[in-house]
N, C-alpha and C. Protein backbone atom coordinates (compact mmCIF):
# COMPACT_ATOMS: atom_id res chain seq x y z
N MET A 1 17.56 -19.10 17.04
CA MET A 1 16.34 -19.76 17.39
C MET A 1 15.18 -19.20 16.53
N ILE A 2 15.11 -17.88 16.37
CA ILE A 2 14.06 -17.27 15.56
C ILE A 2 14.16 -17.77 14.11
N TYR A 3 15.37 -17.84 13.61
CA TYR A 3 15.61 -18.30 12.24
C TYR A 3 15.04 -19.73 12.07
N GLU A 4 15.39 -20.61 13.01
CA GLU A 4 14.94 -22.01 12.91
C GLU A 4 13.41 -22.11 13.01
N LEU A 5 12.80 -21.28 13.85
CA LEU A 5 11.36 -21.35 14.04
C LEU A 5 10.56 -20.83 12.83
N TYR A 6 11.06 -19.75 12.21
CA TYR A 6 10.26 -19.02 11.26
C TYR A 6 10.78 -19.06 9.80
N PHE A 7 11.92 -19.71 9.61
CA PHE A 7 12.49 -19.73 8.26
C PHE A 7 11.46 -20.23 7.20
N LYS A 8 10.85 -21.37 7.48
CA LYS A 8 9.89 -21.95 6.54
C LYS A 8 8.73 -21.02 6.23
N ASP A 9 8.20 -20.37 7.26
CA ASP A 9 7.07 -19.47 7.05
C ASP A 9 7.45 -18.31 6.14
N VAL A 10 8.59 -17.72 6.42
CA VAL A 10 9.03 -16.55 5.63
C VAL A 10 9.37 -16.98 4.23
N TYR A 11 10.08 -18.13 4.09
CA TYR A 11 10.41 -18.62 2.77
C TYR A 11 9.18 -18.90 1.95
N ARG A 12 8.19 -19.60 2.51
CA ARG A 12 6.95 -19.88 1.76
C ARG A 12 6.24 -18.64 1.34
N PHE A 13 6.19 -17.66 2.23
CA PHE A 13 5.55 -16.39 1.93
C PHE A 13 6.20 -15.71 0.71
N ILE A 14 7.53 -15.62 0.76
CA ILE A 14 8.28 -14.95 -0.33
C ILE A 14 8.18 -15.79 -1.61
N TYR A 15 8.24 -17.09 -1.45
CA TYR A 15 8.12 -17.96 -2.64
C TYR A 15 6.77 -17.79 -3.30
N SER A 16 5.70 -17.57 -2.49
CA SER A 16 4.36 -17.33 -3.04
C SER A 16 4.30 -16.03 -3.84
N LEU A 17 5.19 -15.07 -3.51
CA LEU A 17 5.19 -13.81 -4.21
C LEU A 17 6.00 -13.91 -5.52
N CYS A 18 7.14 -14.61 -5.46
CA CYS A 18 8.03 -14.58 -6.64
C CYS A 18 8.04 -15.89 -7.45
N ARG A 19 7.70 -17.00 -6.87
CA ARG A 19 7.69 -18.30 -7.57
C ARG A 19 9.09 -18.64 -8.12
N ASP A 20 10.12 -18.23 -7.38
CA ASP A 20 11.49 -18.52 -7.81
C ASP A 20 12.30 -18.91 -6.54
N THR A 21 12.80 -20.15 -6.53
CA THR A 21 13.48 -20.64 -5.30
C THR A 21 14.72 -19.82 -4.98
N ALA A 22 15.52 -19.44 -5.95
CA ALA A 22 16.76 -18.70 -5.70
C ALA A 22 16.43 -17.33 -5.11
N ILE A 23 15.47 -16.63 -5.70
CA ILE A 23 15.10 -15.32 -5.20
C ILE A 23 14.45 -15.44 -3.82
N ALA A 24 13.63 -16.45 -3.60
CA ALA A 24 13.03 -16.65 -2.28
C ALA A 24 14.06 -16.89 -1.22
N GLU A 25 15.03 -17.70 -1.51
CA GLU A 25 16.14 -17.98 -0.56
C GLU A 25 16.89 -16.67 -0.24
N GLU A 26 17.25 -15.93 -1.27
CA GLU A 26 17.99 -14.68 -1.09
C GLU A 26 17.21 -13.68 -0.26
N ILE A 27 15.94 -13.49 -0.58
CA ILE A 27 15.12 -12.51 0.16
C ILE A 27 14.91 -13.01 1.58
N THR A 28 14.72 -14.27 1.76
CA THR A 28 14.53 -14.82 3.12
C THR A 28 15.75 -14.58 3.96
N GLN A 29 16.92 -14.84 3.41
CA GLN A 29 18.17 -14.61 4.13
C GLN A 29 18.31 -13.12 4.51
N GLU A 30 18.06 -12.28 3.54
CA GLU A 30 18.16 -10.82 3.79
C GLU A 30 17.16 -10.37 4.85
N THR A 31 15.97 -10.98 4.85
CA THR A 31 14.94 -10.68 5.82
C THR A 31 15.45 -10.92 7.24
N PHE A 32 16.03 -12.10 7.44
CA PHE A 32 16.51 -12.42 8.80
C PHE A 32 17.69 -11.53 9.21
N VAL A 33 18.53 -11.14 8.29
CA VAL A 33 19.62 -10.24 8.61
C VAL A 33 19.02 -8.91 9.06
N LYS A 34 18.07 -8.39 8.30
CA LYS A 34 17.42 -7.12 8.69
C LYS A 34 16.70 -7.25 10.00
N ALA A 35 15.99 -8.35 10.20
CA ALA A 35 15.23 -8.53 11.44
C ALA A 35 16.15 -8.59 12.65
N LEU A 36 17.26 -9.27 12.54
CA LEU A 36 18.17 -9.39 13.68
C LEU A 36 18.83 -8.06 13.96
N LYS A 37 19.08 -7.25 12.93
CA LYS A 37 19.67 -5.90 13.15
C LYS A 37 18.67 -5.00 13.85
N SER A 38 17.37 -5.22 13.62
CA SER A 38 16.37 -4.29 14.15
C SER A 38 15.43 -5.00 15.16
N ILE A 39 15.86 -6.08 15.76
CA ILE A 39 15.02 -6.81 16.68
C ILE A 39 14.54 -5.93 17.83
N ASP A 40 15.32 -4.94 18.21
CA ASP A 40 14.92 -4.03 19.30
C ASP A 40 13.69 -3.21 18.94
N SER A 41 13.42 -3.04 17.65
CA SER A 41 12.26 -2.25 17.25
C SER A 41 10.96 -3.07 17.25
N PHE A 42 11.08 -4.41 17.45
CA PHE A 42 9.90 -5.23 17.49
C PHE A 42 9.13 -4.95 18.81
N GLN A 43 7.92 -4.45 18.67
CA GLN A 43 7.16 -4.01 19.84
C GLN A 43 6.18 -5.05 20.35
N GLY A 44 6.04 -6.14 19.66
CA GLY A 44 5.16 -7.19 20.13
C GLY A 44 3.69 -6.93 19.88
N LYS A 45 3.36 -5.96 19.04
CA LYS A 45 1.97 -5.65 18.73
C LYS A 45 1.35 -6.66 17.76
N CYS A 46 2.15 -7.46 17.14
CA CYS A 46 1.72 -8.54 16.25
C CYS A 46 2.55 -9.74 16.53
N LYS A 47 2.20 -10.86 15.87
CA LYS A 47 3.01 -12.06 16.01
C LYS A 47 4.36 -11.86 15.35
N LEU A 48 5.38 -12.54 15.84
CA LEU A 48 6.72 -12.38 15.28
C LEU A 48 6.77 -12.80 13.82
N ASN A 49 6.02 -13.86 13.44
CA ASN A 49 6.07 -14.27 12.06
C ASN A 49 5.39 -13.25 11.13
N VAL A 50 4.41 -12.50 11.66
CA VAL A 50 3.77 -11.43 10.85
C VAL A 50 4.76 -10.34 10.67
N TRP A 51 5.50 -9.94 11.74
CA TRP A 51 6.51 -8.89 11.63
C TRP A 51 7.61 -9.31 10.62
N LEU A 52 8.04 -10.58 10.69
CA LEU A 52 9.07 -11.05 9.76
C LEU A 52 8.53 -11.04 8.32
N CYS A 53 7.32 -11.42 8.12
CA CYS A 53 6.72 -11.39 6.75
C CYS A 53 6.56 -10.00 6.22
N GLN A 54 6.33 -9.03 7.11
CA GLN A 54 6.28 -7.59 6.65
C GLN A 54 7.65 -7.17 6.19
N ILE A 55 8.69 -7.54 6.94
CA ILE A 55 10.05 -7.21 6.55
C ILE A 55 10.35 -7.88 5.23
N ALA A 56 9.96 -9.12 5.09
CA ALA A 56 10.21 -9.92 3.88
C ALA A 56 9.49 -9.27 2.68
N LYS A 57 8.25 -8.88 2.89
CA LYS A 57 7.48 -8.22 1.81
C LYS A 57 8.17 -6.93 1.36
N ASN A 58 8.57 -6.11 2.32
CA ASN A 58 9.23 -4.88 1.96
C ASN A 58 10.57 -5.12 1.26
N THR A 59 11.28 -6.11 1.71
CA THR A 59 12.57 -6.49 1.12
C THR A 59 12.34 -6.99 -0.33
N TYR A 60 11.27 -7.77 -0.52
CA TYR A 60 10.96 -8.25 -1.85
C TYR A 60 10.58 -7.09 -2.78
N TYR A 61 9.75 -6.17 -2.32
CA TYR A 61 9.33 -5.06 -3.15
C TYR A 61 10.49 -4.17 -3.49
N THR A 62 11.42 -3.99 -2.57
CA THR A 62 12.66 -3.24 -2.86
C THR A 62 13.44 -3.97 -3.96
N TYR A 63 13.56 -5.23 -3.83
CA TYR A 63 14.27 -6.04 -4.81
C TYR A 63 13.59 -5.91 -6.19
N GLN A 64 12.24 -5.94 -6.21
CA GLN A 64 11.49 -5.81 -7.46
C GLN A 64 11.72 -4.43 -8.10
N ARG A 65 11.78 -3.37 -7.33
CA ARG A 65 11.98 -2.04 -7.87
C ARG A 65 13.40 -1.95 -8.48
N LYS A 66 14.38 -2.54 -7.81
CA LYS A 66 15.71 -2.53 -8.34
C LYS A 66 15.78 -3.27 -9.67
N GLN A 67 15.09 -4.44 -9.70
CA GLN A 67 15.06 -5.23 -10.94
C GLN A 67 14.35 -4.45 -12.08
N ALA A 68 13.28 -3.75 -11.69
CA ALA A 68 12.53 -2.98 -12.71
C ALA A 68 13.40 -1.84 -13.27
N ARG A 69 14.13 -1.18 -12.41
CA ARG A 69 15.00 -0.08 -12.92
C ARG A 69 16.07 -0.65 -13.85
N MET A 70 16.60 -1.82 -13.49
CA MET A 70 17.63 -2.43 -14.31
C MET A 70 17.08 -2.90 -15.66
N SER A 71 15.89 -3.43 -15.64
CA SER A 71 15.32 -3.94 -16.90
C SER A 71 14.61 -2.85 -17.70
N ASN A 72 14.40 -1.67 -17.10
CA ASN A 72 13.74 -0.58 -17.79
C ASN A 72 14.49 -0.21 -19.09
N VAL A 73 15.80 -0.17 -19.02
CA VAL A 73 16.61 0.12 -20.20
C VAL A 73 16.43 -0.98 -21.28
N ASN A 74 16.41 -2.22 -20.83
CA ASN A 74 16.20 -3.33 -21.75
C ASN A 74 14.80 -3.28 -22.39
N THR A 75 13.80 -2.89 -21.60
CA THR A 75 12.41 -2.82 -22.10
C THR A 75 12.31 -1.74 -23.17
N GLU A 76 12.89 -0.60 -22.89
CA GLU A 76 12.85 0.45 -23.86
C GLU A 76 13.51 0.06 -25.18
N HIS A 77 14.60 -0.63 -25.08
CA HIS A 77 15.28 -1.15 -26.27
C HIS A 77 14.41 -2.15 -26.99
N SER A 78 13.75 -3.06 -26.22
CA SER A 78 12.87 -4.07 -26.78
C SER A 78 11.67 -3.44 -27.50
N ILE A 79 11.05 -2.43 -26.90
CA ILE A 79 9.93 -1.76 -27.51
C ILE A 79 10.34 -1.10 -28.84
N ALA A 80 11.47 -0.43 -28.78
CA ALA A 80 11.96 0.24 -30.01
C ALA A 80 12.21 -0.78 -31.12
N SER A 81 12.79 -1.95 -30.79
CA SER A 81 13.05 -2.95 -31.84
C SER A 81 11.75 -3.57 -32.30
N ASN A 82 10.77 -3.77 -31.43
CA ASN A 82 9.46 -4.31 -31.84
C ASN A 82 8.77 -3.33 -32.79
N VAL A 83 8.85 -2.05 -32.53
CA VAL A 83 8.25 -1.08 -33.42
C VAL A 83 8.92 -1.09 -34.76
N GLU A 84 10.25 -1.21 -34.74
CA GLU A 84 11.00 -1.30 -36.00
C GLU A 84 10.58 -2.51 -36.80
N GLN A 85 10.27 -3.61 -36.10
CA GLN A 85 9.89 -4.87 -36.77
C GLN A 85 8.41 -4.88 -37.10
N GLY A 86 7.66 -3.85 -36.74
CA GLY A 86 6.27 -3.75 -37.09
C GLY A 86 5.29 -4.28 -36.05
N SER A 87 5.78 -4.66 -34.85
CA SER A 87 4.85 -5.11 -33.81
C SER A 87 4.03 -3.94 -33.33
N SER A 88 2.90 -4.28 -32.70
CA SER A 88 1.98 -3.26 -32.26
C SER A 88 2.37 -2.65 -30.95
N LEU A 89 2.74 -1.43 -30.95
CA LEU A 89 3.05 -0.68 -29.73
C LEU A 89 1.78 -0.40 -28.94
N ASP A 90 0.66 -0.31 -29.66
CA ASP A 90 -0.63 -0.06 -29.00
C ASP A 90 -0.98 -1.17 -27.98
N GLU A 91 -0.70 -2.44 -28.35
CA GLU A 91 -1.03 -3.56 -27.45
C GLU A 91 -0.20 -3.41 -26.16
N TYR A 92 1.05 -3.10 -26.31
CA TYR A 92 1.92 -2.93 -25.12
C TYR A 92 1.42 -1.77 -24.27
N LEU A 93 1.08 -0.66 -24.90
CA LEU A 93 0.66 0.50 -24.12
C LEU A 93 -0.67 0.30 -23.45
N ILE A 94 -1.63 -0.40 -24.07
CA ILE A 94 -2.92 -0.65 -23.47
C ILE A 94 -2.73 -1.49 -22.20
N THR A 95 -1.95 -2.56 -22.26
CA THR A 95 -1.70 -3.39 -21.13
C THR A 95 -1.02 -2.60 -20.03
N LYS A 96 -0.02 -1.83 -20.39
CA LYS A 96 0.75 -1.04 -19.44
C LYS A 96 -0.19 0.01 -18.83
N GLU A 97 -1.02 0.67 -19.61
CA GLU A 97 -1.93 1.69 -19.10
C GLU A 97 -2.99 1.11 -18.16
N ASP A 98 -3.51 -0.06 -18.54
CA ASP A 98 -4.49 -0.73 -17.65
C ASP A 98 -3.90 -1.04 -16.28
N ALA A 99 -2.69 -1.57 -16.31
CA ALA A 99 -2.02 -1.91 -15.09
C ALA A 99 -1.76 -0.65 -14.25
N LEU A 100 -1.41 0.41 -14.92
CA LEU A 100 -1.12 1.69 -14.21
C LEU A 100 -2.43 2.21 -13.56
N ARG A 101 -3.55 2.08 -14.26
CA ARG A 101 -4.82 2.53 -13.69
C ARG A 101 -5.21 1.71 -12.48
N VAL A 102 -4.97 0.41 -12.51
CA VAL A 102 -5.25 -0.40 -11.32
C VAL A 102 -4.36 -0.02 -10.18
N HIS A 103 -3.10 0.25 -10.47
CA HIS A 103 -2.18 0.62 -9.40
C HIS A 103 -2.52 2.01 -8.83
N ARG A 104 -2.99 2.92 -9.67
CA ARG A 104 -3.42 4.20 -9.17
C ARG A 104 -4.62 4.05 -8.24
N ALA A 105 -5.58 3.23 -8.63
CA ALA A 105 -6.72 2.99 -7.79
C ALA A 105 -6.33 2.36 -6.47
N LEU A 106 -5.40 1.42 -6.56
CA LEU A 106 -4.87 0.74 -5.36
C LEU A 106 -4.17 1.73 -4.45
N HIS A 107 -3.48 2.69 -5.02
CA HIS A 107 -2.71 3.69 -4.27
C HIS A 107 -3.65 4.52 -3.40
N HIS A 108 -4.88 4.78 -3.83
CA HIS A 108 -5.80 5.57 -3.08
C HIS A 108 -6.64 4.79 -2.07
N MET A 109 -6.50 3.51 -2.09
CA MET A 109 -7.24 2.62 -1.23
C MET A 109 -6.67 2.61 0.19
N LYS A 110 -7.55 2.45 1.15
CA LYS A 110 -7.10 2.37 2.56
C LYS A 110 -6.72 0.96 2.93
N GLU A 111 -5.92 0.88 4.00
CA GLU A 111 -5.56 -0.45 4.55
C GLU A 111 -6.76 -0.95 5.36
N PRO A 112 -6.97 -2.21 5.50
CA PRO A 112 -6.24 -3.35 4.98
C PRO A 112 -6.59 -3.76 3.58
N TYR A 113 -7.51 -3.03 2.93
CA TYR A 113 -7.99 -3.40 1.60
C TYR A 113 -6.83 -3.46 0.62
N LYS A 114 -5.97 -2.43 0.65
CA LYS A 114 -4.86 -2.35 -0.28
C LYS A 114 -3.96 -3.58 -0.13
N GLU A 115 -3.59 -3.90 1.07
CA GLU A 115 -2.67 -5.01 1.28
C GLU A 115 -3.29 -6.35 0.95
N VAL A 116 -4.52 -6.52 1.37
CA VAL A 116 -5.20 -7.82 1.06
C VAL A 116 -5.32 -8.03 -0.45
N PHE A 117 -5.69 -6.97 -1.16
CA PHE A 117 -5.81 -7.07 -2.64
C PHE A 117 -4.44 -7.37 -3.25
N THR A 118 -3.41 -6.71 -2.75
CA THR A 118 -2.04 -6.91 -3.29
C THR A 118 -1.56 -8.30 -3.03
N LEU A 119 -1.78 -8.79 -1.82
CA LEU A 119 -1.32 -10.16 -1.46
C LEU A 119 -2.07 -11.19 -2.28
N ARG A 120 -3.33 -10.96 -2.50
CA ARG A 120 -4.16 -11.97 -3.26
C ARG A 120 -3.84 -11.95 -4.72
N VAL A 121 -3.78 -10.77 -5.33
CA VAL A 121 -3.61 -10.67 -6.79
C VAL A 121 -2.15 -10.79 -7.19
N PHE A 122 -1.29 -9.98 -6.58
CA PHE A 122 0.09 -9.92 -7.01
C PHE A 122 0.96 -10.97 -6.25
N GLY A 123 0.59 -11.23 -5.01
CA GLY A 123 1.35 -12.22 -4.24
C GLY A 123 0.80 -13.62 -4.41
N GLU A 124 -0.39 -13.76 -5.00
CA GLU A 124 -1.00 -15.05 -5.26
C GLU A 124 -1.16 -15.87 -3.99
N LEU A 125 -1.42 -15.24 -2.83
CA LEU A 125 -1.65 -15.95 -1.61
C LEU A 125 -3.09 -16.42 -1.53
N SER A 126 -3.31 -17.53 -0.84
CA SER A 126 -4.65 -18.00 -0.61
C SER A 126 -5.32 -17.15 0.46
N PHE A 127 -6.61 -17.27 0.55
CA PHE A 127 -7.35 -16.51 1.64
C PHE A 127 -6.91 -17.02 3.00
N ALA A 128 -6.57 -18.31 3.10
CA ALA A 128 -6.11 -18.85 4.38
C ALA A 128 -4.77 -18.26 4.76
N GLU A 129 -3.88 -18.13 3.80
CA GLU A 129 -2.55 -17.50 4.08
C GLU A 129 -2.71 -16.02 4.49
N ILE A 130 -3.58 -15.31 3.77
CA ILE A 130 -3.79 -13.91 4.07
C ILE A 130 -4.42 -13.75 5.45
N SER A 131 -5.38 -14.58 5.79
CA SER A 131 -6.03 -14.48 7.11
C SER A 131 -4.99 -14.79 8.20
N GLY A 132 -4.10 -15.72 7.94
CA GLY A 132 -3.04 -16.03 8.91
C GLY A 132 -2.12 -14.88 9.15
N LEU A 133 -1.77 -14.14 8.08
CA LEU A 133 -0.87 -12.98 8.23
C LEU A 133 -1.49 -11.91 9.09
N PHE A 134 -2.79 -11.71 8.93
CA PHE A 134 -3.48 -10.66 9.67
C PHE A 134 -4.03 -11.14 11.02
N GLY A 135 -4.00 -12.43 11.25
CA GLY A 135 -4.56 -12.99 12.50
C GLY A 135 -6.07 -12.86 12.49
N LYS A 136 -6.67 -13.00 11.34
CA LYS A 136 -8.15 -12.87 11.18
C LYS A 136 -8.70 -14.17 10.61
N THR A 137 -9.99 -14.23 10.39
CA THR A 137 -10.61 -15.42 9.79
C THR A 137 -10.46 -15.39 8.29
N GLU A 138 -10.65 -16.54 7.68
CA GLU A 138 -10.62 -16.65 6.24
C GLU A 138 -11.78 -15.85 5.64
N SER A 139 -12.93 -15.86 6.27
CA SER A 139 -14.07 -15.08 5.83
C SER A 139 -13.72 -13.59 5.76
N TRP A 140 -13.04 -13.11 6.77
CA TRP A 140 -12.58 -11.69 6.79
C TRP A 140 -11.74 -11.41 5.58
N ALA A 141 -10.80 -12.31 5.26
CA ALA A 141 -9.93 -12.09 4.12
C ALA A 141 -10.75 -12.05 2.81
N ARG A 142 -11.71 -12.95 2.68
CA ARG A 142 -12.52 -12.97 1.47
C ARG A 142 -13.36 -11.70 1.32
N VAL A 143 -13.98 -11.26 2.39
CA VAL A 143 -14.84 -10.06 2.36
C VAL A 143 -13.98 -8.85 2.08
N THR A 144 -12.85 -8.75 2.70
CA THR A 144 -11.93 -7.62 2.54
C THR A 144 -11.45 -7.54 1.08
N PHE A 145 -11.11 -8.68 0.51
CA PHE A 145 -10.68 -8.75 -0.89
C PHE A 145 -11.82 -8.33 -1.81
N TYR A 146 -13.01 -8.84 -1.56
CA TYR A 146 -14.18 -8.55 -2.38
C TYR A 146 -14.43 -7.03 -2.37
N ARG A 147 -14.42 -6.46 -1.18
CA ARG A 147 -14.62 -4.98 -1.07
C ARG A 147 -13.54 -4.21 -1.78
N ALA A 148 -12.30 -4.67 -1.67
CA ALA A 148 -11.21 -3.99 -2.36
C ALA A 148 -11.43 -4.07 -3.89
N LYS A 149 -11.78 -5.22 -4.37
CA LYS A 149 -12.03 -5.40 -5.81
C LYS A 149 -13.18 -4.52 -6.31
N GLN A 150 -14.23 -4.44 -5.49
CA GLN A 150 -15.37 -3.59 -5.86
C GLN A 150 -14.95 -2.12 -5.93
N SER A 151 -14.13 -1.72 -4.97
CA SER A 151 -13.64 -0.35 -4.90
C SER A 151 -12.83 0.00 -6.13
N ILE A 152 -11.94 -0.89 -6.49
CA ILE A 152 -11.09 -0.69 -7.68
C ILE A 152 -11.95 -0.60 -8.96
N GLN A 153 -12.94 -1.53 -9.07
CA GLN A 153 -13.77 -1.49 -10.25
C GLN A 153 -14.58 -0.16 -10.31
N GLN A 154 -15.03 0.31 -9.19
CA GLN A 154 -15.77 1.57 -9.14
C GLN A 154 -14.87 2.73 -9.56
N GLN A 155 -13.64 2.73 -9.04
CA GLN A 155 -12.69 3.78 -9.38
C GLN A 155 -12.35 3.79 -10.88
N LEU A 156 -12.23 2.59 -11.42
CA LEU A 156 -11.91 2.48 -12.83
C LEU A 156 -13.12 2.94 -13.71
N LYS A 157 -14.33 2.64 -13.30
CA LYS A 157 -15.50 3.14 -14.02
C LYS A 157 -15.59 4.64 -13.96
N GLU A 158 -15.32 5.21 -12.80
CA GLU A 158 -15.33 6.66 -12.65
C GLU A 158 -14.26 7.31 -13.49
N GLY A 159 -13.12 6.66 -13.58
CA GLY A 159 -12.03 7.16 -14.40
C GLY A 159 -12.40 7.17 -15.87
N GLU A 160 -13.12 6.19 -16.34
CA GLU A 160 -13.53 6.11 -17.74
C GLU A 160 -14.51 7.24 -18.06
N LYS A 161 -15.36 7.60 -17.12
CA LYS A 161 -16.33 8.71 -17.30
C LYS A 161 -15.60 10.01 -17.55
N HIS A 162 -14.46 10.21 -16.85
CA HIS A 162 -13.74 11.45 -16.91
C HIS A 162 -12.80 11.54 -18.12
N GLU A 163 -12.63 10.42 -18.79
CA GLU A 163 -11.68 10.41 -19.96
C GLU A 163 -12.36 10.81 -21.23
């Protein structure tokens, strides 16, 4: 019954993160397997669909980390061959370093700012979808995202001063 009620919500959420139907289906299935195995741990402090989406998000991020580890070897090979062919390693490193700086700033950020920023930027969720996940208003989602963005920009400026 839970599967029938919430499958579409969880699937849409994961699809908004990955934009791939096959991956979204796989992660959604895995989410419900995990949820059914740990249904006793659901305490009812949030809506069931929010709990399921949290499981789905964590499952997706675990999937992403596994994919990153697998492709890391391929990336290193690709970088080496690009350098051999004369491509600019600097361009790759600048982009990679900028992303790392943003992730570092995000790492030091408190909740819910961290999660709202991540869902908006990396998950590409709308403010309406984010507000629904948190059970808050769309205005709350917009303000929280704005404050998170300001905080990251401030941290990046401070980081530049120290470099």
